[in-house]
Amino acid sequence: MDHNLVVLVVDDERAIRRFLRTSLEAYQYTVYEAVTGEEALQCVINKRPDLIILDIGLPDISGIEVTEKIREWSAIPILILTVQETEKTKIAALDAGADDYLTKPFGVGELMARMRAMMRRVHEPTTEPVFRSGSLCLDMAKRVVMVDGEQISLTPTEYDLLKILAQGAGKVLTHTQVIQAVWGETYLAEPHLLRVNISNLRKKIENDPSRPRLIVTEPGVGYRLLMQDD
């Protein structure tokens, strides 16, 4: 990850800001701080950070509202911090446009891993026609899927599902986001369609579908396609 990275930390807890500043500056990142949502919005405009670490519970407007406002004009990566374990909060943050979330308390190792994944997605061109993760290879230009060097046959729906997950690799995609992308809004009330197709897709691309290592479930929230080395 780029050591010249500029990170904006938005949290009203001084202890959390101090912890994040110390952790990030140890990696040579430039850190700016904001305490409120409005301050955060001004800082995004004035400082143009490369990544935002944003708490949900702010004293003025929520982190979800801050995310929605930023998404009106910027695609800057946003990592949400929340002490709220509720699935509803995580889903709302992701649906508002956040890229990922961490639940407090968290370790520096996990924070850095999430940040690396987010910045990788920024720097890798989305037009890249070939996606690889472990034994999986997806050639989007040719619509060909290979596992361990063998071509496998997917239904059109399974292929669309895999492509959506690959385009957001490393990122949590909510049930709503995936259903809208693959089937459209009229199917939002039919989550079983997603479950069945994820299950079928896992049987075709996972070595052990009962213990998936590629398409992992974020309980109650959605799915994440993991990036794996060969």
C-alpha atoms as a PDB file:
ATOM      1  CA  MET A   1       0.000   0.000   0.000  1.00  0.00           C
ATOM      2  CA  ASP A   2       1.214   3.499  -0.846  1.00  0.00           C
ATOM      3  CA  HIS A   3       3.108   5.014   2.100  1.00  0.00           C
ATOM      4  CA  ASN A   4       2.063   8.489   0.971  1.00  0.00           C
ATOM      5  CA  LEU A   5      -1.549   7.571   1.648  1.00  0.00           C
ATOM      6  CA  VAL A   6      -3.629  10.340   3.212  1.00  0.00           C
ATOM      7  CA  VAL A   7      -6.253   9.012   5.627  1.00  0.00           C
ATOM      8  CA  LEU A   8      -9.124  10.924   7.224  1.00  0.00           C
ATOM      9  CA  VAL A   9     -10.201   9.519  10.603  1.00  0.00           C
ATOM     10  CA  VAL A  10     -13.709  10.564  11.669  1.00  0.00           C
ATOM     11  CA  ASP A  11     -14.649   9.642  15.236  1.00  0.00           C
ATOM     12  CA  ASP A  12     -15.867  11.594  18.251  1.00  0.00           C
ATOM     13  CA  GLU A  13     -13.938   9.373  20.686  1.00  0.00           C
ATOM     14  CA  ARG A  14     -10.514  10.878  21.336  1.00  0.00           C
ATOM     15  CA  ALA A  15      -9.066   7.513  22.394  1.00  0.00           C
ATOM     16  CA  ILE A  16     -10.062   5.903  19.084  1.00  0.00           C
ATOM     17  CA  ARG A  17      -8.635   8.817  17.076  1.00  0.00           C
ATOM     18  CA  ARG A  18      -5.370   8.622  19.034  1.00  0.00           C
ATOM     19  CA  PHE A  19      -5.165   4.836  18.515  1.00  0.00           C
ATOM     20  CA  LEU A  20      -5.795   5.155  14.770  1.00  0.00           C
ATOM     21  CA  ARG A  21      -3.379   8.066  14.338  1.00  0.00           C
ATOM     22  CA  THR A  22      -0.585   6.202  16.150  1.00  0.00           C
ATOM     23  CA  SER A  23      -1.259   2.994  14.205  1.00  0.00           C
ATOM     24  CA  LEU A  24      -1.419   4.676  10.787  1.00  0.00           C
ATOM     25  CA  GLU A  25       1.521   7.036  11.317  1.00  0.00           C
ATOM     26  CA  ALA A  26       3.623   3.994  12.219  1.00  0.00           C
ATOM     27  CA  TYR A  27       3.053   2.953   8.588  1.00  0.00           C
ATOM     28  CA  GLN A  28       4.071   6.432   7.375  1.00  0.00           C
ATOM     29  CA  TYR A  29       0.531   7.511   6.442  1.00  0.00           C
ATOM     30  CA  THR A  30      -0.589  11.123   6.716  1.00  0.00           C
ATOM     31  CA  VAL A  31      -3.559  11.363   9.080  1.00  0.00           C
ATOM     32  CA  TYR A  32      -6.231  14.048   9.404  1.00  0.00           C
ATOM     33  CA  GLU A  33      -8.932  13.974  12.075  1.00  0.00           C
ATOM     34  CA  ALA A  34     -12.558  15.076  12.240  1.00  0.00           C
ATOM     35  CA  VAL A  35     -14.937  14.845  15.194  1.00  0.00           C
ATOM     36  CA  THR A  36     -18.291  15.571  13.517  1.00  0.00           C
ATOM     37  CA  GLY A  37     -19.943  14.668  10.233  1.00  0.00           C
ATOM     38  CA  GLU A  38     -19.956  18.263   8.989  1.00  0.00           C
ATOM     39  CA  GLU A  39     -16.274  18.636   9.855  1.00  0.00           C
ATOM     40  CA  ALA A  40     -15.607  15.408   7.953  1.00  0.00           C
ATOM     41  CA  LEU A  41     -17.361  16.682   4.823  1.00  0.00           C
ATOM     42  CA  GLN A  42     -15.318  19.895   4.891  1.00  0.00           C
ATOM     43  CA  CYS A  43     -12.119  17.920   5.402  1.00  0.00           C
ATOM     44  CA  VAL A  44     -12.864  15.675   2.419  1.00  0.00           C
ATOM     45  CA  ILE A  45     -13.228  18.784   0.248  1.00  0.00           C
ATOM     46  CA  ASN A  46     -10.182  20.628   1.623  1.00  0.00           C
ATOM     47  CA  LYS A  47      -7.703  17.797   2.272  1.00  0.00           C
ATOM     48  CA  ARG A  48      -8.754  15.315  -0.468  1.00  0.00           C
ATOM     49  CA  PRO A  49      -7.839  12.160   1.485  1.00  0.00           C
ATOM     50  CA  ASP A  50      -7.236   8.822  -0.268  1.00  0.00           C
ATOM     51  CA  LEU A  51      -9.340   6.869   2.234  1.00  0.00           C
ATOM     52  CA  ILE A  52     -11.821   7.615   5.036  1.00  0.00           C
ATOM     53  CA  ILE A  53     -12.218   5.703   8.296  1.00  0.00           C
ATOM     54  CA  LEU A  54     -15.649   6.753   9.486  1.00  0.00           C
ATOM     55  CA  ASP A  55     -17.494   6.069  12.732  1.00  0.00           C
ATOM     56  CA  ILE A  56     -21.257   5.515  12.501  1.00  0.00           C
ATOM     57  CA  GLY A  57     -22.200   7.321  15.726  1.00  0.00           C
ATOM     58  CA  LEU A  58     -21.236  10.967  15.356  1.00  0.00           C
ATOM     59  CA  PRO A  59     -22.585  13.877  17.457  1.00  0.00           C
ATOM     60  CA  ASP A  60     -24.323  15.700  14.586  1.00  0.00           C
ATOM     61  CA  ILE A  61     -25.173  13.541  11.565  1.00  0.00           C
ATOM     62  CA  SER A  62     -24.635   9.781  11.339  1.00  0.00           C
ATOM     63  CA  GLY A  63     -21.774   8.168   9.463  1.00  0.00           C
ATOM     64  CA  ILE A  64     -24.385   6.697   7.118  1.00  0.00           C
ATOM     65  CA  GLU A  65     -25.590  10.182   6.176  1.00  0.00           C
ATOM     66  CA  VAL A  66     -21.991  11.355   5.739  1.00  0.00           C
ATOM     67  CA  THR A  67     -21.413   8.401   3.393  1.00  0.00           C
ATOM     68  CA  GLU A  68     -24.516   9.241   1.351  1.00  0.00           C
ATOM     69  CA  LYS A  69     -23.418  12.873   0.991  1.00  0.00           C
ATOM     70  CA  ILE A  70     -19.876  11.941  -0.080  1.00  0.00           C
ATOM     71  CA  ARG A  71     -21.208   9.405  -2.588  1.00  0.00           C
ATOM     72  CA  GLU A  72     -23.114  12.185  -4.364  1.00  0.00           C
ATOM     73  CA  TRP A  73     -19.801  13.443  -5.761  1.00  0.00           C
ATOM     74  CA  SER A  74     -16.942  11.110  -4.806  1.00  0.00           C
ATOM     75  CA  ALA A  75     -15.995   7.418  -5.005  1.00  0.00           C
ATOM     76  CA  ILE A  76     -13.322   7.730  -2.287  1.00  0.00           C
ATOM     77  CA  PRO A  77     -12.993   4.445  -0.309  1.00  0.00           C
ATOM     78  CA  ILE A  78     -14.921   4.531   2.980  1.00  0.00           C
ATOM     79  CA  LEU A  79     -14.326   2.094   5.840  1.00  0.00           C
ATOM     80  CA  ILE A  80     -17.085   2.239   8.457  1.00  0.00           C
ATOM     81  CA  LEU A  81     -16.362   1.708  12.161  1.00  0.00           C
ATOM     82  CA  THR A  82     -19.245   0.634  14.355  1.00  0.00           C
ATOM     83  CA  VAL A  83     -19.781  -0.642  17.886  1.00  0.00           C
ATOM     84  CA  GLN A  84     -23.228  -1.638  16.727  1.00  0.00           C
ATOM     85  CA  GLU A  85     -23.330  -5.351  15.991  1.00  0.00           C
ATOM     86  CA  THR A  86     -26.734  -5.030  14.367  1.00  0.00           C
ATOM     87  CA  GLU A  87     -26.972  -6.320  10.818  1.00  0.00           C
ATOM     88  CA  LYS A  88     -29.357  -3.473  10.010  1.00  0.00           C
ATOM     89  CA  THR A  89     -26.679  -0.832  10.684  1.00  0.00           C
ATOM     90  CA  LYS A  90     -24.029  -2.638   8.633  1.00  0.00           C
ATOM     91  CA  ILE A  91     -26.445  -3.133   5.726  1.00  0.00           C
ATOM     92  CA  ALA A  92     -27.501   0.532   5.830  1.00  0.00           C
ATOM     93  CA  ALA A  93     -23.851   1.650   5.727  1.00  0.00           C
ATOM     94  CA  LEU A  94     -22.992  -0.616   2.794  1.00  0.00           C
ATOM     95  CA  ASP A  95     -26.153   0.304   0.906  1.00  0.00           C
ATOM     96  CA  ALA A  96     -25.292   3.998   1.433  1.00  0.00           C
ATOM     97  CA  GLY A  97     -22.039   3.383  -0.427  1.00  0.00           C
ATOM     98  CA  ALA A  98     -19.463   2.378   2.208  1.00  0.00           C
ATOM     99  CA  ASP A  99     -16.864  -0.091   0.946  1.00  0.00           C
ATOM    100  CA  ASP A 100     -16.418  -2.152   4.091  1.00  0.00           C
ATOM    101  CA  TYR A 101     -16.923  -2.127   7.850  1.00  0.00           C
ATOM    102  CA  LEU A 102     -15.113  -3.053  11.050  1.00  0.00           C
ATOM    103  CA  THR A 103     -16.809  -3.680  14.365  1.00  0.00           C
ATOM    104  CA  LYS A 104     -15.111  -2.189  17.453  1.00  0.00           C
ATOM    105  CA  PRO A 105     -12.940  -3.368  19.070  1.00  0.00           C
ATOM    106  CA  PHE A 106     -10.615  -4.345  16.215  1.00  0.00           C
ATOM    107  CA  GLY A 107      -6.931  -5.099  15.726  1.00  0.00           C
ATOM    108  CA  VAL A 108      -4.431  -3.105  13.683  1.00  0.00           C
ATOM    109  CA  GLY A 109      -3.714  -6.165  11.514  1.00  0.00           C
ATOM    110  CA  GLU A 110      -7.328  -6.484  10.431  1.00  0.00           C
ATOM    111  CA  LEU A 111      -7.624  -2.729   9.857  1.00  0.00           C
ATOM    112  CA  MET A 112      -4.547  -2.694   7.606  1.00  0.00           C
ATOM    113  CA  ALA A 113      -5.770  -5.728   5.654  1.00  0.00           C
ATOM    114  CA  ARG A 114      -9.133  -4.069   4.968  1.00  0.00           C
ATOM    115  CA  MET A 115      -7.407  -0.831   3.922  1.00  0.00           C
ATOM    116  CA  ARG A 116      -5.060  -2.693   1.562  1.00  0.00           C
ATOM    117  CA  ALA A 117      -7.997  -4.472  -0.078  1.00  0.00           C
ATOM    118  CA  MET A 118      -9.867  -1.179  -0.534  1.00  0.00           C
ATOM    119  CA  MET A 119      -6.889   0.604  -2.082  1.00  0.00           C
ATOM    120  CA  ARG A 120      -6.179  -2.363  -4.355  1.00  0.00           C
ATOM    121  CA  ARG A 121      -9.665  -2.018  -5.819  1.00  0.00           C
ATOM    122  CA  VAL A 122      -9.035   1.687  -6.446  1.00  0.00           C
ATOM    123  CA  HIS A 123      -5.747   1.119  -8.265  1.00  0.00           C
ATOM    124  CA  GLU A 124      -6.777  -1.940 -10.265  1.00  0.00           C
ATOM    125  CA  PRO A 125      -8.686  -1.030 -13.438  1.00  0.00           C
ATOM    126  CA  THR A 126     -12.298  -2.223 -13.299  1.00  0.00           C
ATOM    127  CA  THR A 127     -12.056  -3.020 -17.005  1.00  0.00           C
ATOM    128  CA  GLU A 128      -9.586  -5.826 -16.276  1.00  0.00           C
ATOM    129  CA  PRO A 129     -11.105  -8.719 -18.260  1.00  0.00           C
ATOM    130  CA  VAL A 130      -9.476 -11.560 -16.319  1.00  0.00           C
ATOM    131  CA  PHE A 131     -10.088 -12.085 -12.594  1.00  0.00           C
ATOM    132  CA  ARG A 132      -8.078 -14.599 -10.568  1.00  0.00           C
ATOM    133  CA  SER A 133      -8.371 -15.756  -6.989  1.00  0.00           C
ATOM    134  CA  GLY A 134      -6.679 -18.964  -5.936  1.00  0.00           C
ATOM    135  CA  SER A 135      -7.757 -21.757  -8.286  1.00  0.00           C
ATOM    136  CA  LEU A 136     -10.538 -19.625  -9.812  1.00  0.00           C
ATOM    137  CA  CYS A 137     -10.072 -17.781 -13.112  1.00  0.00           C
ATOM    138  CA  LEU A 138     -12.870 -15.704 -14.666  1.00  0.00           C
ATOM    139  CA  ASP A 139     -12.330 -14.322 -18.170  1.00  0.00           C
ATOM    140  CA  MET A 140     -15.052 -11.681 -18.495  1.00  0.00           C
ATOM    141  CA  ALA A 141     -14.319 -10.916 -22.140  1.00  0.00           C
ATOM    142  CA  LYS A 142     -14.821 -14.560 -23.158  1.00  0.00           C
ATOM    143  CA  ARG A 143     -17.351 -15.440 -20.411  1.00  0.00           C
ATOM    144  CA  VAL A 144     -15.156 -18.416 -19.499  1.00  0.00           C
ATOM    145  CA  VAL A 145     -14.775 -19.722 -15.937  1.00  0.00           C
ATOM    146  CA  MET A 146     -11.916 -22.054 -15.003  1.00  0.00           C
ATOM    147  CA  VAL A 147     -11.247 -23.882 -11.731  1.00  0.00           C
ATOM    148  CA  ASP A 148      -7.884 -25.638 -11.343  1.00  0.00           C
ATOM    149  CA  GLY A 149      -7.322 -25.173 -15.080  1.00  0.00           C
ATOM    150  CA  GLU A 150     -10.582 -26.913 -16.022  1.00  0.00           C
ATOM    151  CA  GLN A 151     -13.396 -25.007 -17.704  1.00  0.00           C
ATOM    152  CA  ILE A 152     -16.666 -25.228 -15.793  1.00  0.00           C
ATOM    153  CA  SER A 153     -20.191 -24.617 -16.965  1.00  0.00           C
ATOM    154  CA  LEU A 154     -22.307 -21.997 -15.195  1.00  0.00           C
ATOM    155  CA  THR A 155     -25.904 -21.010 -15.841  1.00  0.00           C
ATOM    156  CA  PRO A 156     -26.331 -17.394 -17.037  1.00  0.00           C
ATOM    157  CA  THR A 157     -27.542 -16.419 -13.563  1.00  0.00           C
ATOM    158  CA  GLU A 158     -24.615 -18.126 -11.818  1.00  0.00           C
ATOM    159  CA  TYR A 159     -22.207 -16.382 -14.187  1.00  0.00           C
ATOM    160  CA  ASP A 160     -23.785 -12.951 -13.546  1.00  0.00           C
ATOM    161  CA  LEU A 161     -23.620 -13.610  -9.818  1.00  0.00           C
ATOM    162  CA  LEU A 162     -19.932 -14.570  -9.955  1.00  0.00           C
ATOM    163  CA  LYS A 163     -19.118 -11.557 -12.139  1.00  0.00           C
ATOM    164  CA  ILE A 164     -20.803  -9.127  -9.708  1.00  0.00           C
ATOM    165  CA  LEU A 165     -18.909 -10.649  -6.774  1.00  0.00           C
ATOM    166  CA  ALA A 166     -15.604 -10.586  -8.728  1.00  0.00           C
ATOM    167  CA  GLN A 167     -16.049  -6.927  -9.694  1.00  0.00           C
ATOM    168  CA  GLY A 168     -16.363  -6.117  -5.977  1.00  0.00           C
ATOM    169  CA  ALA A 169     -13.785  -8.681  -4.833  1.00  0.00           C
ATOM    170  CA  GLY A 170     -12.789  -8.290  -1.199  1.00  0.00           C
ATOM    171  CA  LYS A 171     -15.806  -6.081  -0.581  1.00  0.00           C
ATOM    172  CA  VAL A 172     -18.998  -7.016   1.266  1.00  0.00           C
ATOM    173  CA  LEU A 173     -21.979  -6.924  -1.079  1.00  0.00           C
ATOM    174  CA  THR A 174     -25.351  -6.848   0.660  1.00  0.00           C
ATOM    175  CA  HIS A 175     -28.186  -9.169  -0.315  1.00  0.00           C
ATOM    176  CA  THR A 176     -30.034  -6.146  -1.725  1.00  0.00           C
ATOM    177  CA  GLN A 177     -27.071  -4.997  -3.824  1.00  0.00           C
ATOM    178  CA  VAL A 178     -26.575  -8.454  -5.352  1.00  0.00           C
ATOM    179  CA  ILE A 179     -30.261  -9.121  -6.016  1.00  0.00           C
ATOM    180  CA  GLN A 180     -30.689  -5.718  -7.684  1.00  0.00           C
ATOM    181  CA  ALA A 181     -27.618  -6.259  -9.866  1.00  0.00           C
ATOM    182  CA  VAL A 182     -28.499  -9.809 -10.960  1.00  0.00           C
ATOM    183  CA  TRP A 183     -32.308  -9.957 -10.972  1.00  0.00           C
ATOM    184  CA  GLY A 184     -33.575  -6.401 -10.541  1.00  0.00           C
ATOM    185  CA  GLU A 185     -35.655  -4.625  -7.891  1.00  0.00           C
ATOM    186  CA  THR A 186     -38.780  -6.682  -8.514  1.00  0.00           C
ATOM    187  CA  TYR A 187     -37.021  -9.688  -6.925  1.00  0.00           C
ATOM    188  CA  LEU A 188     -35.987  -8.020  -3.646  1.00  0.00           C
ATOM    189  CA  ALA A 189     -38.716  -9.905  -1.787  1.00  0.00           C
ATOM    190  CA  GLU A 190     -37.322 -13.273  -2.955  1.00  0.00           C
ATOM    191  CA  PRO A 191     -33.983 -13.735  -1.141  1.00  0.00           C
ATOM    192  CA  HIS A 192     -34.231 -17.516  -1.552  1.00  0.00           C
ATOM    193  CA  LEU A 193     -33.238 -17.047  -5.214  1.00  0.00           C
ATOM    194  CA  LEU A 194     -29.911 -15.628  -4.077  1.00  0.00           C
ATOM    195  CA  ARG A 195     -29.310 -18.349  -1.474  1.00  0.00           C
ATOM    196  CA  VAL A 196     -30.016 -21.163  -3.938  1.00  0.00           C
ATOM    197  CA  ASN A 197     -27.778 -19.705  -6.642  1.00  0.00           C
ATOM    198  CA  ILE A 198     -24.931 -18.987  -4.204  1.00  0.00           C
ATOM    199  CA  SER A 199     -25.187 -22.601  -3.028  1.00  0.00           C
ATOM    200  CA  ASN A 200     -25.110 -23.916  -6.613  1.00  0.00           C
ATOM    201  CA  LEU A 201     -22.197 -21.635  -7.503  1.00  0.00           C
ATOM    202  CA  ARG A 202     -20.205 -22.815  -4.496  1.00  0.00           C
ATOM    203  CA  LYS A 203     -20.697 -26.449  -5.562  1.00  0.00           C
ATOM    204  CA  LYS A 204     -19.038 -25.609  -8.879  1.00  0.00           C
ATOM    205  CA  ILE A 205     -16.130 -23.391  -7.794  1.00  0.00           C
ATOM    206  CA  GLU A 206     -15.300 -24.338  -4.186  1.00  0.00           C
ATOM    207  CA  ASN A 207     -13.092 -27.298  -3.267  1.00  0.00           C
ATOM    208  CA  ASP A 208     -15.338 -27.866  -0.244  1.00  0.00           C
ATOM    209  CA  PRO A 209     -18.712 -26.104  -0.677  1.00  0.00           C
ATOM    210  CA  SER A 210     -19.579 -26.731   2.991  1.00  0.00           C
ATOM    211  CA  ARG A 211     -16.491 -24.708   4.000  1.00  0.00           C
ATOM    212  CA  PRO A 212     -16.255 -22.035   1.318  1.00  0.00           C
ATOM    213  CA  ARG A 213     -12.928 -20.241   0.928  1.00  0.00           C
ATOM    214  CA  LEU A 214     -13.873 -18.049  -2.040  1.00  0.00           C
ATOM    215  CA  ILE A 215     -17.477 -16.921  -1.563  1.00  0.00           C
ATOM    216  CA  VAL A 216     -17.883 -16.314   2.165  1.00  0.00           C
ATOM    217  CA  THR A 217     -21.062 -15.354   3.976  1.00  0.00           C
ATOM    218  CA  GLU A 218     -21.196 -12.181   6.061  1.00  0.00           C
ATOM    219  CA  PRO A 219     -23.968 -13.364   8.423  1.00  0.00           C
ATOM    220  CA  GLY A 220     -27.211 -11.460   7.959  1.00  0.00           C
ATOM    221  CA  VAL A 221     -25.523  -8.940   5.655  1.00  0.00           C
ATOM    222  CA  GLY A 222     -24.424 -10.484   2.372  1.00  0.00           C
ATOM    223  CA  TYR A 223     -21.437 -12.083   0.649  1.00  0.00           C
ATOM    224  CA  ARG A 224     -17.764 -11.377   0.019  1.00  0.00           C
ATOM    225  CA  LEU A 225     -15.574 -12.931  -2.686  1.00  0.00           C
ATOM    226  CA  LEU A 226     -12.130 -13.307  -1.154  1.00  0.00           C
ATOM    227  CA  MET A 227      -8.897 -12.531  -2.963  1.00  0.00           C
ATOM    228  CA  GLN A 228      -6.516 -15.459  -2.638  1.00  0.00           C
ATOM    229  CA  ASP A 229      -2.965 -16.005  -3.851  1.00  0.00           C
ATOM    230  CA  ASP A 230      -2.335 -18.894  -6.181  1.00  0.00           C
END
